[in-house]
Amino acid sequence: MSDSSNSLMKQRFRGYMPVVVDVETAGFNAKTDALLEIAAVLLDFDDNGLLKPVDSVHYHVQPFEGANIEQAAIDFNGIDPHCPLRGAVEEGEALRELFKPIRKAQKAAGCQRSVLVGHNSNFDHGFVMAAAERANLKRNPFHPFVSFDTTSLAAMTLGQTVLIKACQAAGIEFDSKQAHSALYDTERTAELYCWMINRWKELGGWPPESRQDKS
């Protein structure tokens, strides 16, 4: 990460570093339902001041002891939680390894906290926080309640709220056959988020014009 991108990341997001995250789960309740898969994409600015995906991290996750597994959720995402070929790891280990590169990038960017970016970010944020609490992880880089929701941003910028439709409207390729894989959805969400941030810049929305009180 260059000094220029370091400075820009701090300035652009008020000292926060956005990290795109997607989870696949065995239900909707973050406190009781199993986390099955998690992926994160790190972002950085290029030499032209445009935000780009730069790295990704991905883990299949073992259901925590006593976790609820809703059959409807399994039917939807197609994950067999108990398949040994998944190579799943315990959720505490998955989050510890996921957090390491995020904290490193956050420090390099000079940011005070990372902020989870997600499509319906409240859902992903809730599962990450609940899993971190179960594993008693003290060095969680994510802000405890702030998140950036690409659903709302896409509704504003593209008139779409569904991920595949928002990506298509932005000219981003999306293979529906790969949807509901945490890594694939995270990578497409990262592309969409970067597209919206960069488009706002191209339209003159960033940096804001300095306005003087003329009264």
Protein backbone atom coordinates (compact mmCIF):
# COMPACT_ATOMS: atom_id res chain seq x y z
CA MET A 1 0.00 0.00 0.00
CA SER A 2 1.52 3.28 -1.12
CA ASP A 3 1.65 6.42 1.01
CA SER A 4 -0.83 8.11 -1.34
CA SER A 5 -3.40 5.31 -1.06
CA ASN A 6 -2.80 5.21 2.70
CA SER A 7 -3.71 8.87 2.99
CA LEU A 8 -6.66 8.55 0.61
CA MET A 9 -8.22 5.63 2.47
CA LYS A 10 -8.10 7.56 5.74
CA GLN A 11 -9.59 10.66 4.17
CA ARG A 12 -12.24 8.98 2.05
CA PHE A 13 -13.96 7.00 4.78
CA ARG A 14 -13.32 9.14 7.88
CA GLY A 15 -10.59 6.92 9.23
CA TYR A 16 -12.47 3.71 8.49
CA MET A 17 -11.32 0.95 6.14
CA PRO A 18 -14.13 -0.79 4.21
CA VAL A 19 -13.90 -4.59 3.95
CA VAL A 20 -16.45 -6.48 1.86
CA VAL A 21 -17.87 -9.57 3.59
CA ASP A 22 -20.42 -12.24 2.77
CA VAL A 23 -21.58 -15.18 4.88
CA GLU A 24 -23.57 -18.32 4.14
CA THR A 25 -25.55 -19.61 7.07
CA ALA A 26 -28.00 -22.26 8.23
CA GLY A 27 -30.70 -19.75 9.08
CA PHE A 28 -31.42 -16.11 9.85
CA ASN A 29 -30.73 -15.96 13.60
CA ALA A 30 -27.09 -15.03 14.23
CA LYS A 31 -27.28 -16.17 17.86
CA THR A 32 -28.63 -19.67 17.25
CA ASP A 33 -28.05 -20.64 13.60
CA ALA A 34 -24.79 -22.01 12.20
CA LEU A 35 -22.29 -19.93 10.27
CA LEU A 36 -21.24 -22.18 7.36
CA GLU A 37 -19.04 -20.06 5.11
CA ILE A 38 -17.38 -16.64 5.23
CA ALA A 39 -15.38 -14.60 2.76
CA ALA A 40 -13.82 -11.14 2.79
CA VAL A 41 -12.35 -8.92 0.07
CA LEU A 42 -9.81 -6.23 0.90
CA LEU A 43 -9.83 -2.98 -1.07
CA ASP A 44 -7.29 -0.29 -1.91
CA PHE A 45 -6.95 2.79 -4.10
CA ASP A 46 -4.88 2.64 -7.27
CA ASP A 47 -2.59 5.40 -8.59
CA ASN A 48 -5.58 7.10 -10.22
CA GLY A 49 -7.48 7.31 -6.95
CA LEU A 50 -9.95 4.56 -7.92
CA LEU A 51 -11.02 1.94 -5.40
CA LYS A 52 -10.19 -1.65 -6.42
CA PRO A 53 -10.41 -5.16 -4.90
CA VAL A 54 -6.89 -6.34 -4.03
CA ASP A 55 -7.13 -9.57 -2.03
CA SER A 56 -9.64 -12.14 -0.78
CA VAL A 57 -9.91 -14.56 2.15
CA HIS A 58 -12.34 -17.46 2.34
CA TYR A 59 -13.22 -20.21 4.84
CA HIS A 60 -15.73 -23.02 5.10
CA VAL A 61 -16.93 -23.16 8.70
CA GLN A 62 -18.00 -26.02 10.95
CA PRO A 63 -21.33 -25.47 12.75
CA PHE A 64 -20.68 -24.51 16.35
CA GLU A 65 -21.72 -26.96 19.05
CA GLY A 66 -25.48 -26.88 19.50
CA ALA A 67 -26.04 -24.75 16.39
CA ASN A 68 -29.46 -24.79 14.79
CA ILE A 69 -29.59 -25.81 11.13
CA GLU A 70 -32.70 -24.88 9.17
CA GLN A 71 -33.37 -27.28 6.30
CA ALA A 72 -34.85 -24.47 4.21
CA ALA A 73 -31.56 -22.55 4.44
CA ILE A 74 -29.56 -25.63 3.41
CA ASP A 75 -31.89 -26.23 0.48
CA PHE A 76 -31.39 -22.61 -0.58
CA ASN A 77 -27.59 -22.38 -0.42
CA GLY A 78 -26.86 -26.01 -1.31
CA ILE A 79 -24.30 -26.49 1.48
CA ASP A 80 -23.97 -29.83 3.28
CA PRO A 81 -22.71 -28.69 6.70
CA HIS A 82 -21.32 -32.12 7.56
CA CYS A 83 -19.57 -32.95 4.28
CA PRO A 84 -15.90 -33.71 5.07
CA LEU A 85 -14.86 -32.57 1.59
CA ARG A 86 -15.70 -28.97 2.51
CA GLY A 87 -12.49 -28.72 4.50
CA ALA A 88 -14.35 -26.70 7.11
CA VAL A 89 -12.63 -25.26 10.18
CA GLU A 90 -13.97 -24.28 13.59
CA GLU A 91 -15.57 -20.84 13.45
CA GLY A 92 -13.17 -19.30 15.97
CA GLU A 93 -10.21 -20.39 13.86
CA ALA A 94 -11.87 -19.10 10.69
CA LEU A 95 -12.42 -15.67 12.20
CA ARG A 96 -8.97 -15.46 13.77
CA GLU A 97 -7.37 -16.17 10.38
CA LEU A 98 -9.79 -13.85 8.59
CA PHE A 99 -9.08 -10.99 10.98
CA LYS A 100 -5.28 -11.17 10.62
CA PRO A 101 -4.96 -9.73 7.08
CA ILE A 102 -7.74 -7.24 7.81
CA ARG A 103 -5.92 -5.85 10.86
CA LYS A 104 -2.67 -5.74 8.88
CA ALA A 105 -4.27 -3.80 6.03
CA GLN A 106 -6.07 -1.53 8.47
CA LYS A 107 -2.79 -0.65 10.17
CA ALA A 108 -1.06 -0.06 6.83
CA ALA A 109 -3.90 2.25 5.78
CA GLY A 110 -3.62 4.23 9.01
CA CYS A 111 -7.29 3.58 9.75
CA GLN A 112 -8.75 3.36 13.23
CA ARG A 113 -11.37 0.69 12.48
CA SER A 114 -12.58 -1.55 9.70
CA VAL A 115 -16.18 -1.35 8.52
CA LEU A 116 -18.05 -4.32 7.10
CA VAL A 117 -19.47 -3.77 3.62
CA GLY A 118 -22.20 -6.19 2.59
CA HIS A 119 -25.29 -6.68 0.49
CA ASN A 120 -27.85 -6.44 3.29
CA SER A 121 -24.90 -5.73 5.56
CA ASN A 122 -26.84 -5.98 8.82
CA PHE A 123 -27.25 -9.73 8.23
CA ASP A 124 -23.53 -10.39 7.59
CA HIS A 125 -22.47 -8.05 10.40
CA GLY A 126 -24.72 -9.81 12.88
CA PHE A 127 -23.28 -13.26 12.11
CA VAL A 128 -19.66 -12.03 12.23
CA MET A 129 -20.22 -10.34 15.58
CA ALA A 130 -22.07 -13.30 17.07
CA ALA A 131 -19.36 -15.75 15.97
CA ALA A 132 -16.60 -13.48 17.31
CA GLU A 133 -18.43 -13.29 20.64
CA ARG A 134 -18.81 -17.08 20.84
CA ALA A 135 -15.09 -17.50 20.16
CA ASN A 136 -14.26 -14.77 22.70
CA LEU A 137 -12.14 -12.90 20.14
CA LYS A 138 -10.88 -9.64 21.61
CA ARG A 139 -9.16 -8.25 18.50
CA ASN A 140 -12.16 -7.94 16.22
CA PRO A 141 -11.24 -5.23 13.68
CA PHE A 142 -14.82 -4.46 12.70
CA HIS A 143 -16.80 -1.55 14.07
CA PRO A 144 -19.36 -2.93 16.55
CA PHE A 145 -22.39 -1.36 14.85
CA VAL A 146 -21.44 0.65 11.73
CA SER A 147 -21.68 -1.11 8.37
CA PHE A 148 -21.94 0.02 4.73
CA ASP A 149 -24.91 -1.52 2.90
CA THR A 150 -24.55 -1.98 -0.86
CA THR A 151 -28.28 -2.70 -1.12
CA SER A 152 -29.10 0.88 -0.18
CA LEU A 153 -26.27 2.29 -2.28
CA ALA A 154 -27.38 0.27 -5.32
CA ALA A 155 -30.97 1.42 -4.89
CA MET A 156 -29.76 5.02 -4.92
CA THR A 157 -27.23 4.76 -7.76
CA LEU A 158 -28.71 2.05 -10.00
CA GLY A 159 -32.37 1.69 -9.04
CA GLN A 160 -31.77 -1.95 -8.11
CA THR A 161 -31.59 -3.81 -4.80
CA VAL A 162 -31.00 -7.44 -5.83
CA LEU A 163 -27.27 -8.16 -6.16
CA ILE A 164 -27.39 -9.81 -9.59
CA LYS A 165 -29.60 -7.06 -11.03
CA ALA A 166 -27.42 -4.29 -9.56
CA CYS A 167 -24.30 -5.91 -10.99
CA GLN A 168 -25.92 -6.26 -14.40
CA ALA A 169 -27.00 -2.60 -14.32
CA ALA A 170 -23.39 -1.62 -13.57
CA GLY A 171 -22.04 -3.82 -16.38
CA ILE A 172 -20.51 -6.36 -13.97
CA GLU A 173 -20.70 -9.99 -15.11
CA PHE A 174 -22.65 -12.24 -12.75
CA ASP A 175 -23.02 -16.01 -13.09
CA SER A 176 -26.21 -16.99 -11.30
CA LYS A 177 -24.98 -20.60 -11.11
CA GLN A 178 -22.20 -19.49 -8.77
CA ALA A 179 -24.44 -17.34 -6.58
CA HIS A 180 -24.74 -18.20 -2.88
CA SER A 181 -21.08 -19.11 -2.68
CA ALA A 182 -19.67 -16.73 -0.07
CA LEU A 183 -16.50 -16.10 -2.06
CA TYR A 184 -18.28 -15.47 -5.38
CA ASP A 185 -20.91 -13.20 -3.84
CA THR A 186 -18.26 -11.27 -1.92
CA GLU A 187 -16.17 -10.71 -5.02
CA ARG A 188 -19.18 -9.46 -7.00
CA THR A 189 -20.28 -7.26 -4.09
CA ALA A 190 -16.76 -5.81 -3.90
CA GLU A 191 -16.82 -5.01 -7.62
CA LEU A 192 -20.22 -3.38 -7.24
CA TYR A 193 -19.17 -1.33 -4.21
CA CYS A 194 -16.03 -0.11 -5.96
CA TRP A 195 -18.03 0.73 -9.07
CA MET A 196 -20.43 2.89 -7.05
CA ILE A 197 -17.68 4.66 -5.11
CA ASN A 198 -15.71 5.34 -8.31
CA ARG A 199 -18.80 6.41 -10.23
CA TRP A 200 -19.61 8.97 -7.55
CA LYS A 201 -16.09 10.33 -7.91
CA GLU A 202 -16.37 10.45 -11.71
CA LEU A 203 -19.60 12.42 -11.46
CA GLY A 204 -17.88 15.03 -9.30
CA GLY A 205 -19.37 13.95 -5.99
CA TRP A 206 -15.97 13.38 -4.36
CA PRO A 207 -14.23 15.26 -2.92
CA PRO A 208 -17.11 17.54 -1.95
CA GLU A 209 -16.87 21.09 -3.21
CA SER A 210 -15.81 23.54 -0.53
CA ARG A 211 -18.70 25.85 0.21
CA GLN A 212 -18.37 29.18 1.90
CA ASP A 213 -21.15 30.82 3.84
CA LYS A 214 -22.25 33.66 1.60
CA SER A 215 -24.71 35.11 4.04
